[in-house]
N, C-alpha and C. Protein backbone atom coordinates (compact mmCIF):
# COMPACT_ATOMS: atom_id res chain seq x y z
N MET A 1 0.65 -1.53 -0.04
CA MET A 1 -0.18 -0.32 0.07
C MET A 1 0.63 1.31 0.03
N LYS A 2 1.74 1.29 0.94
CA LYS A 2 2.99 2.55 1.31
C LYS A 2 3.11 2.33 -0.82
N LYS A 3 3.92 1.35 -1.61
CA LYS A 3 4.83 2.20 -2.73
C LYS A 3 3.53 2.59 -3.38
N THR A 4 1.94 1.81 -3.43
CA THR A 4 1.41 2.57 -4.28
C THR A 4 1.11 4.01 -3.89
N THR A 5 0.55 4.16 -3.10
CA THR A 5 0.70 5.82 -2.71
C THR A 5 1.76 6.36 -3.05
N ARG A 6 2.97 5.42 -2.41
CA ARG A 6 4.27 6.63 -2.71
C ARG A 6 4.47 7.26 -4.12
N SER A 7 4.20 6.13 -4.93
CA SER A 7 4.38 5.88 -6.78
C SER A 7 3.01 6.81 -7.32
N LEU A 8 1.86 6.63 -6.79
CA LEU A 8 1.07 8.32 -7.39
C LEU A 8 0.81 9.52 -6.66
N LEU A 9 1.92 9.68 -5.96
CA LEU A 9 2.66 11.22 -4.88
C LEU A 9 3.23 11.57 -6.10
N VAL A 10 3.78 10.56 -6.65
CA VAL A 10 5.96 11.19 -7.84
C VAL A 10 4.63 11.44 -8.73
N LEU A 11 4.08 11.23 -9.29
CA LEU A 11 3.74 10.59 -10.43
C LEU A 11 3.13 12.11 -10.72
N ALA A 12 1.98 12.47 -9.11
CA ALA A 12 1.72 13.44 -9.26
C ALA A 12 1.85 14.92 -9.33
N ALA A 13 3.01 14.20 -8.96
CA ALA A 13 3.93 15.87 -8.82
C ALA A 13 4.69 16.16 -10.35
N ILE A 14 4.66 14.90 -10.86
CA ILE A 14 5.90 14.80 -11.84
C ILE A 14 4.52 15.92 -13.10
N ALA A 15 3.81 15.27 -13.50
CA ALA A 15 2.34 15.58 -14.07
C ALA A 15 2.12 17.18 -13.32
N SER A 16 2.45 17.64 -11.78
CA SER A 16 1.77 18.72 -12.09
C SER A 16 3.34 20.04 -12.19
N PHE A 17 4.39 20.07 -12.61
CA PHE A 17 5.65 20.17 -13.18
C PHE A 17 5.50 20.51 -13.58
N ALA A 18 5.17 19.20 -14.82
CA ALA A 18 5.31 19.74 -16.19
C ALA A 18 4.71 20.44 -16.65
N GLY A 19 3.10 20.94 -15.76
CA GLY A 19 2.01 21.78 -16.73
C GLY A 19 2.53 22.67 -16.44
N THR A 20 3.13 23.09 -15.13
CA THR A 20 3.81 24.96 -14.83
C THR A 20 4.85 24.54 -15.82
N MET A 21 5.93 23.89 -16.27
CA MET A 21 6.97 23.74 -17.42
C MET A 21 6.25 24.40 -18.70
N SER A 22 5.14 23.48 -18.96
CA SER A 22 4.68 24.11 -20.59
C SER A 22 4.08 25.58 -20.77
N PHE A 23 4.04 26.72 -19.86
CA PHE A 23 2.75 27.29 -19.24
C PHE A 23 4.21 28.34 -19.16
N ALA A 24 5.72 28.26 -18.76
CA ALA A 24 6.78 28.84 -18.59
C ALA A 24 8.03 29.23 -19.65
N GLN A 25 6.92 29.18 -21.12
CA GLN A 25 8.18 29.92 -21.88
C GLN A 25 8.44 31.40 -22.40
N SER A 26 8.82 31.41 -22.94
CA SER A 26 9.44 33.08 -23.07
C SER A 26 8.93 32.93 -24.27
N GLY A 27 9.04 34.45 -25.29
CA GLY A 27 8.74 35.04 -26.01
C GLY A 27 9.02 34.01 -27.43
N GLU A 28 11.07 34.12 -27.05
CA GLU A 28 11.52 33.57 -28.27
C GLU A 28 11.55 32.39 -27.95
N ALA A 29 10.77 31.30 -27.12
CA ALA A 29 10.83 29.36 -27.11
C ALA A 29 9.16 29.39 -27.80
N VAL A 30 8.59 29.95 -27.84
CA VAL A 30 7.48 30.53 -28.08
C VAL A 30 7.63 30.72 -30.50
N TYR A 31 8.13 31.48 -29.99
CA TYR A 31 8.59 32.10 -31.58
C TYR A 31 9.59 31.01 -32.63
N LYS A 32 10.15 31.16 -31.67
CA LYS A 32 11.25 29.22 -32.17
C LYS A 32 10.22 27.99 -32.69
N ALA A 33 9.32 27.56 -31.63
CA ALA A 33 8.61 26.42 -31.56
C ALA A 33 7.29 26.99 -33.38
N HIS A 34 6.40 27.72 -32.71
CA HIS A 34 5.67 28.18 -33.78
C HIS A 34 5.73 29.22 -34.59
N CYS A 35 6.86 30.18 -35.13
CA CYS A 35 6.81 30.91 -35.86
C CYS A 35 8.19 31.23 -37.10
N GLN A 36 9.74 30.58 -36.39
CA GLN A 36 10.45 30.34 -37.05
C GLN A 36 11.11 29.47 -38.31
N SER A 37 9.38 28.47 -38.84
CA SER A 37 9.91 27.69 -39.83
C SER A 37 9.23 29.08 -40.87
N CYS A 38 8.46 30.05 -40.25
CA CYS A 38 7.76 30.87 -41.61
C CYS A 38 8.48 31.44 -42.15
N HIS A 39 8.98 32.52 -40.31
CA HIS A 39 8.88 34.24 -40.19
C HIS A 39 11.19 33.85 -39.70
N GLY A 40 11.87 32.94 -39.79
CA GLY A 40 13.29 33.05 -39.76
C GLY A 40 13.45 32.79 -38.95
N ALA A 41 14.75 32.29 -38.50
CA ALA A 41 15.19 32.64 -36.94
C ALA A 41 15.54 33.27 -36.32
N THR A 42 16.18 34.53 -37.59
CA THR A 42 16.25 35.87 -37.01
C THR A 42 15.59 37.21 -37.37
N GLY A 43 14.36 36.76 -37.77
CA GLY A 43 13.48 37.33 -38.43
C GLY A 43 13.03 37.51 -40.05
N THR A 44 14.34 37.15 -41.00
CA THR A 44 14.30 37.42 -42.93
C THR A 44 13.77 35.88 -42.97
N PRO A 45 12.81 35.59 -43.53
CA PRO A 45 12.79 34.80 -43.60
C PRO A 45 12.93 33.75 -45.17
N ASN A 46 12.92 32.52 -45.39
CA ASN A 46 14.16 31.83 -46.20
C ASN A 46 13.15 32.37 -47.97
N PRO A 47 14.56 32.45 -49.36
CA PRO A 47 13.26 33.12 -49.64
C PRO A 47 12.29 32.73 -50.44
N GLY A 48 12.34 31.78 -50.70
CA GLY A 48 11.38 30.08 -51.28
C GLY A 48 9.84 30.56 -50.42
N ILE A 49 9.68 31.19 -49.20
CA ILE A 49 8.77 31.02 -48.04
C ILE A 49 8.46 32.76 -48.38
N ALA A 50 8.59 32.63 -48.31
CA ALA A 50 8.81 34.69 -48.77
C ALA A 50 7.97 35.09 -49.72
N LYS A 51 8.50 34.27 -50.97
CA LYS A 51 8.00 34.34 -52.49
C LYS A 51 7.33 34.14 -52.21
N LEU A 52 6.44 32.84 -51.98
CA LEU A 52 5.42 31.19 -51.43
C LEU A 52 4.77 32.20 -50.75
N LEU A 53 4.86 32.76 -50.41
CA LEU A 53 3.89 33.32 -48.26
C LEU A 53 3.40 34.12 -48.56
N GLY A 54 4.87 35.42 -49.03
CA GLY A 54 4.18 36.87 -48.77
C GLY A 54 5.49 36.99 -47.70
N VAL A 55 5.66 36.40 -47.19
CA VAL A 55 5.77 36.77 -45.75
C VAL A 55 7.15 37.44 -45.59
N LYS A 56 7.54 38.77 -45.32
CA LYS A 56 8.47 40.11 -45.43
C LYS A 56 9.05 39.72 -43.52
N PRO A 57 10.41 40.86 -43.74
CA PRO A 57 11.40 40.64 -42.79
C PRO A 57 10.45 41.03 -41.73
N ALA A 58 10.84 40.87 -40.87
CA ALA A 58 10.67 41.52 -38.97
C ALA A 58 10.38 42.88 -39.37
N PRO A 59 11.52 43.52 -40.33
CA PRO A 59 12.09 44.48 -39.83
C PRO A 59 10.39 45.72 -40.65
N ASP A 60 9.56 44.93 -41.35
CA ASP A 60 9.17 46.03 -42.58
C ASP A 60 7.72 45.48 -41.77
N TYR A 61 7.59 44.85 -40.78
CA TYR A 61 6.55 44.91 -39.88
C TYR A 61 6.47 45.92 -38.31
N LYS A 62 7.29 46.33 -38.50
CA LYS A 62 7.68 47.63 -37.18
C LYS A 62 6.22 48.70 -37.27
N GLY A 63 5.96 48.77 -38.33
CA GLY A 63 4.49 49.85 -38.07
C GLY A 63 4.01 49.32 -38.05
N GLU A 64 3.35 47.61 -37.59
CA GLU A 64 2.48 47.13 -37.65
C GLU A 64 2.21 47.48 -36.53
N PRO A 65 0.95 47.92 -35.71
CA PRO A 65 0.31 47.67 -34.51
C PRO A 65 0.24 45.81 -33.38
N GLU A 66 0.89 46.42 -32.63
CA GLU A 66 0.72 45.59 -31.50
C GLU A 66 -0.23 44.22 -31.80
N ALA A 67 -1.68 45.05 -31.32
CA ALA A 67 -2.51 44.21 -31.28
C ALA A 67 -2.86 44.15 -32.70
N ALA A 68 -2.73 44.31 -34.15
CA ALA A 68 -3.08 43.35 -35.47
C ALA A 68 -1.98 42.56 -35.48
N MET A 69 -0.65 42.27 -35.03
CA MET A 69 0.51 41.52 -35.29
C MET A 69 -0.28 40.82 -33.97
N ILE A 70 -0.56 40.45 -32.94
CA ILE A 70 -1.80 39.73 -31.86
C ILE A 70 -3.16 38.89 -32.58
N ALA A 71 -3.42 39.90 -33.33
CA ALA A 71 -5.08 38.55 -33.56
C ALA A 71 -4.30 38.57 -35.01
N ALA A 72 -3.54 38.45 -35.86
CA ALA A 72 -2.77 37.46 -37.08
C ALA A 72 -2.07 36.29 -36.39
N VAL A 73 -1.62 35.92 -35.88
CA VAL A 73 -1.23 34.71 -34.61
C VAL A 73 -3.04 33.92 -34.18
N LYS A 74 -3.33 34.88 -33.22
CA LYS A 74 -4.34 33.99 -33.25
C LYS A 74 -5.71 33.74 -34.03
N ASP A 75 -6.31 34.76 -35.41
CA ASP A 75 -7.12 34.71 -36.09
C ASP A 75 -6.45 33.94 -37.95
N GLY A 76 -5.13 34.29 -38.09
CA GLY A 76 -5.13 34.01 -38.82
C GLY A 76 -4.56 35.73 -39.59
N LYS A 77 -4.61 35.50 -41.55
CA LYS A 77 -4.45 36.95 -41.96
C LYS A 77 -3.39 36.39 -43.83
N GLY A 78 -3.83 36.36 -44.44
CA GLY A 78 -3.95 36.34 -45.40
C GLY A 78 -3.59 35.15 -45.60
N LYS A 79 -2.71 33.84 -46.08
CA LYS A 79 -2.22 33.32 -46.72
C LYS A 79 -1.84 32.85 -44.48
N MET A 80 -1.57 32.82 -44.17
CA MET A 80 -1.02 32.99 -42.30
C MET A 80 -2.38 32.25 -41.44
N LYS A 81 -2.32 30.98 -41.64
CA LYS A 81 -3.21 30.14 -40.24
C LYS A 81 -2.96 30.29 -38.89
N PRO A 82 -3.77 30.52 -39.03
CA PRO A 82 -4.42 30.83 -37.09
C PRO A 82 -3.10 29.46 -36.82
N VAL A 83 -2.81 30.68 -35.11
CA VAL A 83 -2.10 29.39 -34.71
C VAL A 83 -2.78 28.73 -33.44
N HIS A 84 -3.35 27.98 -33.10
CA HIS A 84 -3.82 27.69 -31.88
C HIS A 84 -2.62 26.68 -30.30
N GLY A 85 -3.33 26.07 -29.29
CA GLY A 85 -2.77 25.53 -28.28
C GLY A 85 -1.41 26.96 -28.05
N LEU A 86 -1.77 28.36 -28.27
CA LEU A 86 -1.29 29.41 -27.14
C LEU A 86 -2.27 29.52 -26.64
N THR A 87 -1.66 30.17 -25.35
CA THR A 87 -2.37 31.50 -23.71
C THR A 87 -1.90 32.55 -24.77
N ASP A 88 -2.69 33.46 -24.62
CA ASP A 88 -3.02 35.14 -24.47
C ASP A 88 -1.53 35.44 -24.48
N ALA A 89 -1.16 35.13 -23.23
CA ALA A 89 0.59 35.66 -23.16
C ALA A 89 1.70 34.84 -24.15
N GLN A 90 1.16 34.13 -24.51
CA GLN A 90 2.05 33.76 -24.80
C GLN A 90 2.55 33.87 -26.30
N ILE A 91 0.77 34.43 -26.78
CA ILE A 91 1.20 35.21 -27.81
C ILE A 91 1.85 36.56 -28.27
N LYS A 92 1.78 36.90 -26.73
CA LYS A 92 2.38 38.53 -27.29
C LYS A 92 3.71 38.62 -27.14
N ASP A 93 3.82 37.61 -25.54
CA ASP A 93 5.33 37.38 -25.81
C ASP A 93 6.73 36.85 -26.97
N ALA A 94 5.11 35.91 -28.09
CA ALA A 94 6.26 35.53 -29.03
C ALA A 94 5.57 37.34 -30.01
N VAL A 95 4.90 37.83 -30.19
CA VAL A 95 5.04 38.83 -30.90
C VAL A 95 6.60 40.17 -30.47
N GLN A 96 5.95 40.43 -29.14
CA GLN A 96 7.35 41.24 -28.87
C GLN A 96 8.50 40.75 -28.92
N TYR A 97 9.22 39.47 -28.68
CA TYR A 97 10.32 38.65 -29.47
C TYR A 97 10.74 39.57 -30.68
N PHE A 98 9.13 38.85 -31.69
CA PHE A 98 9.57 39.12 -32.84
C PHE A 98 9.54 40.43 -33.50
N ARG A 99 9.09 41.10 -32.92
CA ARG A 99 9.72 42.74 -33.20
C ARG A 99 10.57 43.31 -32.04
N SER A 100 11.42 42.28 -31.86
CA SER A 100 11.85 42.46 -31.85
C SER A 100 14.04 42.60 -32.39
N LEU A 101 13.24 41.50 -32.87
CA LEU A 101 14.39 40.73 -33.90
C LEU A 101 15.29 42.29 -34.93
N LYS A 102 15.79 43.11 -35.74
CA LYS A 102 16.18 43.85 -36.85
C LYS A 102 16.07 42.40 -38.09
């Protein structure tokens, strides 16, 4: 009985810790996981992707309001599909990270 209880407590602790860690991603980590494949690691898209999807380099988005960029991530825009599974805070952090790229 003690072994089973201890095993359940350890499993619960691991699950709790893993859940906490998934929400503690930085804007950079979220960007790399969800945005980098199209927008590029440094904010400069691959020329083929840029031509195919109309993705511009990060500095070209500087004039875009942050709220519009957040809406584009949530709802999609043009050929960009919406990104699902992120919290509002994660989206805001990823947008801020993208805006910091030169």
